[in-house]
C-alpha atoms as a PDB file:
ATOM      1  CA  MET A   1     -25.059 -25.774   8.923  1.00  0.00           C
ATOM      2  CA  GLY A   2     -22.581 -26.923  11.746  1.00  0.00           C
ATOM      3  CA  LEU A   3     -19.824 -25.367  10.970  1.00  0.00           C
ATOM      4  CA  VAL A   4     -16.262 -25.467  12.995  1.00  0.00           C
ATOM      5  CA  LEU A   5     -14.138 -22.044  12.679  1.00  0.00           C
ATOM      6  CA  GLU A   6     -10.643 -22.316  13.963  1.00  0.00           C
ATOM      7  CA  SER A   7      -8.427 -18.780  15.676  1.00  0.00           C
ATOM      8  CA  ARG A   8      -6.022 -20.278  14.084  1.00  0.00           C
ATOM      9  CA  ASP A   9      -7.440 -20.254  10.726  1.00  0.00           C
ATOM     10  CA  VAL A  10      -9.362 -16.619  11.075  1.00  0.00           C
ATOM     11  CA  GLN A  11      -5.323 -15.736  12.594  1.00  0.00           C
ATOM     12  CA  ARG A  12      -3.602 -16.613   9.096  1.00  0.00           C
ATOM     13  CA  LEU A  13      -5.978 -14.934   7.123  1.00  0.00           C
ATOM     14  CA  LEU A  14      -5.852 -12.455   8.698  1.00  0.00           C
ATOM     15  CA  ARG A  15      -1.897 -12.004   8.823  1.00  0.00           C
ATOM     16  CA  LYS A  16      -1.651 -12.242   5.135  1.00  0.00           C
ATOM     17  CA  LEU A  17      -4.528  -9.392   5.177  1.00  0.00           C
ATOM     18  CA  LEU A  18      -2.904  -6.921   7.358  1.00  0.00           C
ATOM     19  CA  ASN A  19       0.000  -8.531   6.824  1.00  0.00           C
ATOM     20  CA  ARG A  20       1.276  -7.495  10.617  1.00  0.00           C
ATOM     21  CA  THR A  21       0.861 -10.134  13.699  1.00  0.00           C
ATOM     22  CA  VAL A  22      -2.520 -10.866  14.627  1.00  0.00           C
ATOM     23  CA  LYS A  23      -3.375 -12.855  17.651  1.00  0.00           C
ATOM     24  CA  VAL A  24      -6.577 -14.074  17.588  1.00  0.00           C
ATOM     25  CA  THR A  25      -8.126 -16.220  20.266  1.00  0.00           C
ATOM     26  CA  PRO A  26     -11.667 -18.323  20.591  1.00  0.00           C
ATOM     27  CA  SER A  27     -14.114 -15.680  22.821  1.00  0.00           C
ATOM     28  CA  LYS A  28     -17.015 -15.937  24.426  1.00  0.00           C
ATOM     29  CA  GLU A  29     -18.091 -12.655  24.137  1.00  0.00           C
ATOM     30  CA  SER A  30     -21.354 -12.366  21.090  1.00  0.00           C
ATOM     31  CA  PRO A  31     -20.508  -8.577  19.518  1.00  0.00           C
ATOM     32  CA  ASP A  32     -22.660  -7.351  17.386  1.00  0.00           C
ATOM     33  CA  HIS A  33     -22.317  -4.230  16.006  1.00  0.00           C
ATOM     34  CA  PRO A  34     -25.340  -2.870  13.265  1.00  0.00           C
ATOM     35  CA  ALA A  35     -23.224  -1.133  10.793  1.00  0.00           C
ATOM     36  CA  ALA A  36     -20.468  -4.690  11.045  1.00  0.00           C
ATOM     37  CA  ARG A  37     -23.134  -6.161  10.267  1.00  0.00           C
ATOM     38  CA  ARG A  38     -23.410  -8.228   6.593  1.00  0.00           C
ATOM     39  CA  ALA A  39     -25.209 -10.694   5.447  1.00  0.00           C
ATOM     40  CA  LEU A  40     -23.187 -14.414   3.580  1.00  0.00           C
ATOM     41  CA  VAL A  41     -25.101 -15.502   1.321  1.00  0.00           C
ATOM     42  CA  ASN A  42     -25.288 -18.645  -1.039  1.00  0.00           C
ATOM     43  CA  ASP A  43     -25.333 -18.732  -5.099  1.00  0.00           C
ATOM     44  CA  ASP A  44     -28.947 -18.377  -4.991  1.00  0.00           C
ATOM     45  CA  ASP A  45     -28.924 -14.957  -2.359  1.00  0.00           C
ATOM     46  CA  ALA A  46     -29.877 -17.094   0.767  1.00  0.00           C
ATOM     47  CA  LEU A  47     -28.835 -16.562   3.806  1.00  0.00           C
ATOM     48  CA  VAL A  48     -26.305 -18.292   5.051  1.00  0.00           C
ATOM     49  CA  ALA A  49     -24.396 -17.509   8.022  1.00  0.00           C
ATOM     50  CA  VAL A  50     -23.652 -13.861   9.306  1.00  0.00           C
ATOM     51  CA  ILE A  51     -20.335 -12.075  10.013  1.00  0.00           C
ATOM     52  CA  THR A  52     -20.339  -9.615  12.928  1.00  0.00           C
ATOM     53  CA  SER A  53     -17.914  -7.616  15.384  1.00  0.00           C
ATOM     54  CA  ASP A  54     -17.854  -5.023  17.388  1.00  0.00           C
ATOM     55  CA  LEU A  55     -16.868  -1.370  16.787  1.00  0.00           C
ATOM     56  CA  ALA A  56     -13.577  -1.838  17.769  1.00  0.00           C
ATOM     57  CA  PHE A  57     -12.377  -4.600  15.724  1.00  0.00           C
ATOM     58  CA  ALA A  58     -14.407  -2.671  12.626  1.00  0.00           C
ATOM     59  CA  HIS A  59     -12.055   0.521  13.405  1.00  0.00           C
ATOM     60  CA  ARG A  60      -9.219  -1.902  13.727  1.00  0.00           C
ATOM     61  CA  SER A  61      -8.977  -3.800  10.950  1.00  0.00           C
ATOM     62  CA  GLY A  62     -10.097  -1.106   8.406  1.00  0.00           C
ATOM     63  CA  ALA A  63      -7.583   1.071   9.431  1.00  0.00           C
ATOM     64  CA  ALA A  64      -4.985  -1.323   9.180  1.00  0.00           C
ATOM     65  CA  LEU A  65      -6.098  -2.809   6.083  1.00  0.00           C
ATOM     66  CA  ALA A  66      -5.804   0.959   5.201  1.00  0.00           C
ATOM     67  CA  LEU A  67      -2.385   1.014   6.545  1.00  0.00           C
ATOM     68  CA  MET A  68      -4.051   4.210   8.112  1.00  0.00           C
ATOM     69  CA  PRO A  69      -1.744   5.517  11.528  1.00  0.00           C
ATOM     70  CA  ALA A  70      -2.737   3.959  14.801  1.00  0.00           C
ATOM     71  CA  PRO A  71      -3.644   7.059  16.242  1.00  0.00           C
ATOM     72  CA  VAL A  72      -6.677   7.649  13.859  1.00  0.00           C
ATOM     73  CA  VAL A  73      -8.530   4.660  15.406  1.00  0.00           C
ATOM     74  CA  ALA A  74      -8.194   6.377  18.954  1.00  0.00           C
ATOM     75  CA  THR A  75      -9.672  10.256  17.373  1.00  0.00           C
ATOM     76  CA  VAL A  76     -12.199   8.142  16.061  1.00  0.00           C
ATOM     77  CA  GLY A  77     -14.943   7.530  19.447  1.00  0.00           C
ATOM     78  CA  ASP A  78     -18.122   5.775  19.733  1.00  0.00           C
ATOM     79  CA  GLU A  79     -19.899   6.080  16.269  1.00  0.00           C
ATOM     80  CA  PRO A  80     -18.777   4.316  13.016  1.00  0.00           C
ATOM     81  CA  ASP A  81     -16.826   5.449  11.015  1.00  0.00           C
ATOM     82  CA  GLU A  82     -17.741   5.464   7.308  1.00  0.00           C
ATOM     83  CA  ASP A  83     -14.973   4.719   5.842  1.00  0.00           C
ATOM     84  CA  LEU A  84     -13.123   2.777   8.263  1.00  0.00           C
ATOM     85  CA  VAL A  85     -15.912   0.224   8.029  1.00  0.00           C
ATOM     86  CA  GLU A  86     -15.789   0.072   4.638  1.00  0.00           C
ATOM     87  CA  ASN A  87     -12.798  -1.483   5.102  1.00  0.00           C
ATOM     88  CA  TYR A  88     -13.583  -3.899   7.368  1.00  0.00           C
ATOM     89  CA  ILE A  89     -16.382  -4.927   5.075  1.00  0.00           C
ATOM     90  CA  GLU A  90     -13.053  -6.001   2.951  1.00  0.00           C
ATOM     91  CA  VAL A  91     -11.920  -7.728   5.548  1.00  0.00           C
ATOM     92  CA  ALA A  92     -15.174  -9.268   6.394  1.00  0.00           C
ATOM     93  CA  ASN A  93     -15.908 -10.508   2.817  1.00  0.00           C
ATOM     94  CA  VAL A  94     -12.214 -11.817   2.863  1.00  0.00           C
ATOM     95  CA  LEU A  95     -13.261 -13.690   6.227  1.00  0.00           C
ATOM     96  CA  SER A  96     -15.529 -15.153   4.401  1.00  0.00           C
ATOM     97  CA  ARG A  97     -13.436 -17.834   3.206  1.00  0.00           C
ATOM     98  CA  LEU A  98     -13.830 -19.889   6.645  1.00  0.00           C
ATOM     99  CA  VAL A  99     -17.135 -20.015   5.712  1.00  0.00           C
ATOM    100  CA  ASN A 100     -16.276 -21.618   2.236  1.00  0.00           C
ATOM    101  CA  GLU A 101     -13.821 -24.173   3.310  1.00  0.00           C
ATOM    102  CA  ALA A 102     -15.818 -25.065   6.622  1.00  0.00           C
ATOM    103  CA  SER A 103     -18.591 -25.983   4.407  1.00  0.00           C
ATOM    104  CA  ARG A 104     -20.181 -27.168   1.580  1.00  0.00           C
ATOM    105  CA  ALA A 105     -21.656 -23.572   0.773  1.00  0.00           C
ATOM    106  CA  ARG A 106     -20.012 -21.139  -1.612  1.00  0.00           C
ATOM    107  CA  VAL A 107     -20.417 -17.917   0.547  1.00  0.00           C
ATOM    108  CA  ARG A 108     -20.220 -13.870  -0.091  1.00  0.00           C
ATOM    109  CA  ILE A 109     -21.276 -10.847   1.246  1.00  0.00           C
ATOM    110  CA  ASP A 110     -24.293  -9.834   0.186  1.00  0.00           C
ATOM    111  CA  PRO A 111     -23.605  -7.518  -2.886  1.00  0.00           C
ATOM    112  CA  GLY A 112     -26.458  -5.504  -3.261  1.00  0.00           C
ATOM    113  CA  LEU A 113     -27.251  -5.918   0.455  1.00  0.00           C
ATOM    114  CA  LYS A 114     -31.236  -7.578  -0.190  1.00  0.00           C
ATOM    115  CA  VAL A 115     -31.106  -9.790   2.546  1.00  0.00           C
ATOM    116  CA  PRO A 116     -33.306  -7.918   4.987  1.00  0.00           C
ATOM    117  CA  PRO A 117     -31.933  -6.753   8.664  1.00  0.00           C
ATOM    118  CA  GLU A 118     -35.128  -8.532  10.331  1.00  0.00           C
ATOM    119  CA  GLN A 119     -32.845 -11.984   8.660  1.00  0.00           C
ATOM    120  CA  MET A 120     -30.209 -11.093   9.787  1.00  0.00           C
ATOM    121  CA  GLU A 121     -31.710 -10.347  13.110  1.00  0.00           C
ATOM    122  CA  ALA A 122     -33.549 -13.616  13.555  1.00  0.00           C
ATOM    123  CA  LEU A 123     -31.010 -15.541  12.436  1.00  0.00           C
ATOM    124  CA  VAL A 124     -28.155 -13.512  15.188  1.00  0.00           C
ATOM    125  CA  SER A 125     -30.690 -14.057  17.872  1.00  0.00           C
ATOM    126  CA  ALA A 126     -31.547 -18.338  16.984  1.00  0.00           C
ATOM    127  CA  CYS A 127     -28.012 -19.279  16.096  1.00  0.00           C
ATOM    128  CA  GLY A 128     -24.908 -19.525  17.964  1.00  0.00           C
ATOM    129  CA  CYS A 129     -21.881 -17.855  17.316  1.00  0.00           C
ATOM    130  CA  THR A 130     -18.054 -18.908  17.017  1.00  0.00           C
ATOM    131  CA  ALA A 131     -16.379 -15.983  18.299  1.00  0.00           C
ATOM    132  CA  PHE A 132     -13.080 -14.363  18.309  1.00  0.00           C
ATOM    133  CA  HIS A 133     -10.785 -12.255  20.475  1.00  0.00           C
ATOM    134  CA  VAL A 134      -8.334 -10.461  17.691  1.00  0.00           C
ATOM    135  CA  ASP A 135      -5.840  -8.106  18.442  1.00  0.00           C
ATOM    136  CA  ILE A 136      -4.085  -6.631  15.587  1.00  0.00           C
ATOM    137  CA  GLU A 137      -0.318  -5.507  16.227  1.00  0.00           C
ATOM    138  CA  GLY A 138      -0.503  -1.824  16.616  1.00  0.00           C
ATOM    139  CA  TYR A 139      -3.817  -1.151  16.262  1.00  0.00           C
ATOM    140  CA  GLY A 140      -4.741  -2.742  19.860  1.00  0.00           C
ATOM    141  CA  VAL A 141      -8.690  -5.358  20.257  1.00  0.00           C
ATOM    142  CA  GLY A 142     -11.313  -6.446  19.549  1.00  0.00           C
ATOM    143  CA  ASP A 143     -14.179  -8.999  18.786  1.00  0.00           C
ATOM    144  CA  LEU A 144     -15.369 -10.585  15.915  1.00  0.00           C
ATOM    145  CA  ALA A 145     -18.405 -13.367  15.513  1.00  0.00           C
ATOM    146  CA  ILE A 146     -19.330 -15.661  12.719  1.00  0.00           C
ATOM    147  CA  TYR A 147     -22.998 -16.687  13.268  1.00  0.00           C
ATOM    148  CA  HIS A 148     -24.210 -19.542  11.393  1.00  0.00           C
ATOM    149  CA  GLY A 149     -27.284 -22.151  11.876  1.00  0.00           C
END
C-alpha cells in the first residue's frame, strides 16, 4: 500500500480536532514510543499500518484534546502518563482517517489490541514511514509517524 500522506491534511485534521493553531511539517525523524504505538487494522482485523509518535507528541496532543493547561505537560516527565496517552489514542484514531482517505482500505485503531506487538514491530522495522513534526499552539512540539507497507 503506497500511501501518500500530506502534512496539510494532518494539519487540517489536528486544527479541527484540537481547535487551535497547529503547524505540521514533513520530518525525517522516525518516532516510535511503545506507549504511543497503535495498529491500524482493516475490517478483517488485518494489520494495515502502524500509527505512532514520540512521547512528547502523545502527551501534548492528549493534553490539548482534554483542554488541560499546557504547563501540566511539563510536569509529566519522561514516563508515559496513562490519561494523556489515552487521550492521544483518540487523536490517533481521528488521524487514521488519513489512511482511509489515501487508500482503498477502511482502517481503524485495533479496538481490542489483538495485533501482537511483534507483528507491529515487524511492520515498523520492514516498512517506510511518513513522519511529521507537529507544533501545537501553547503545548509545544513532537513527532508523529505512520508506518505502512
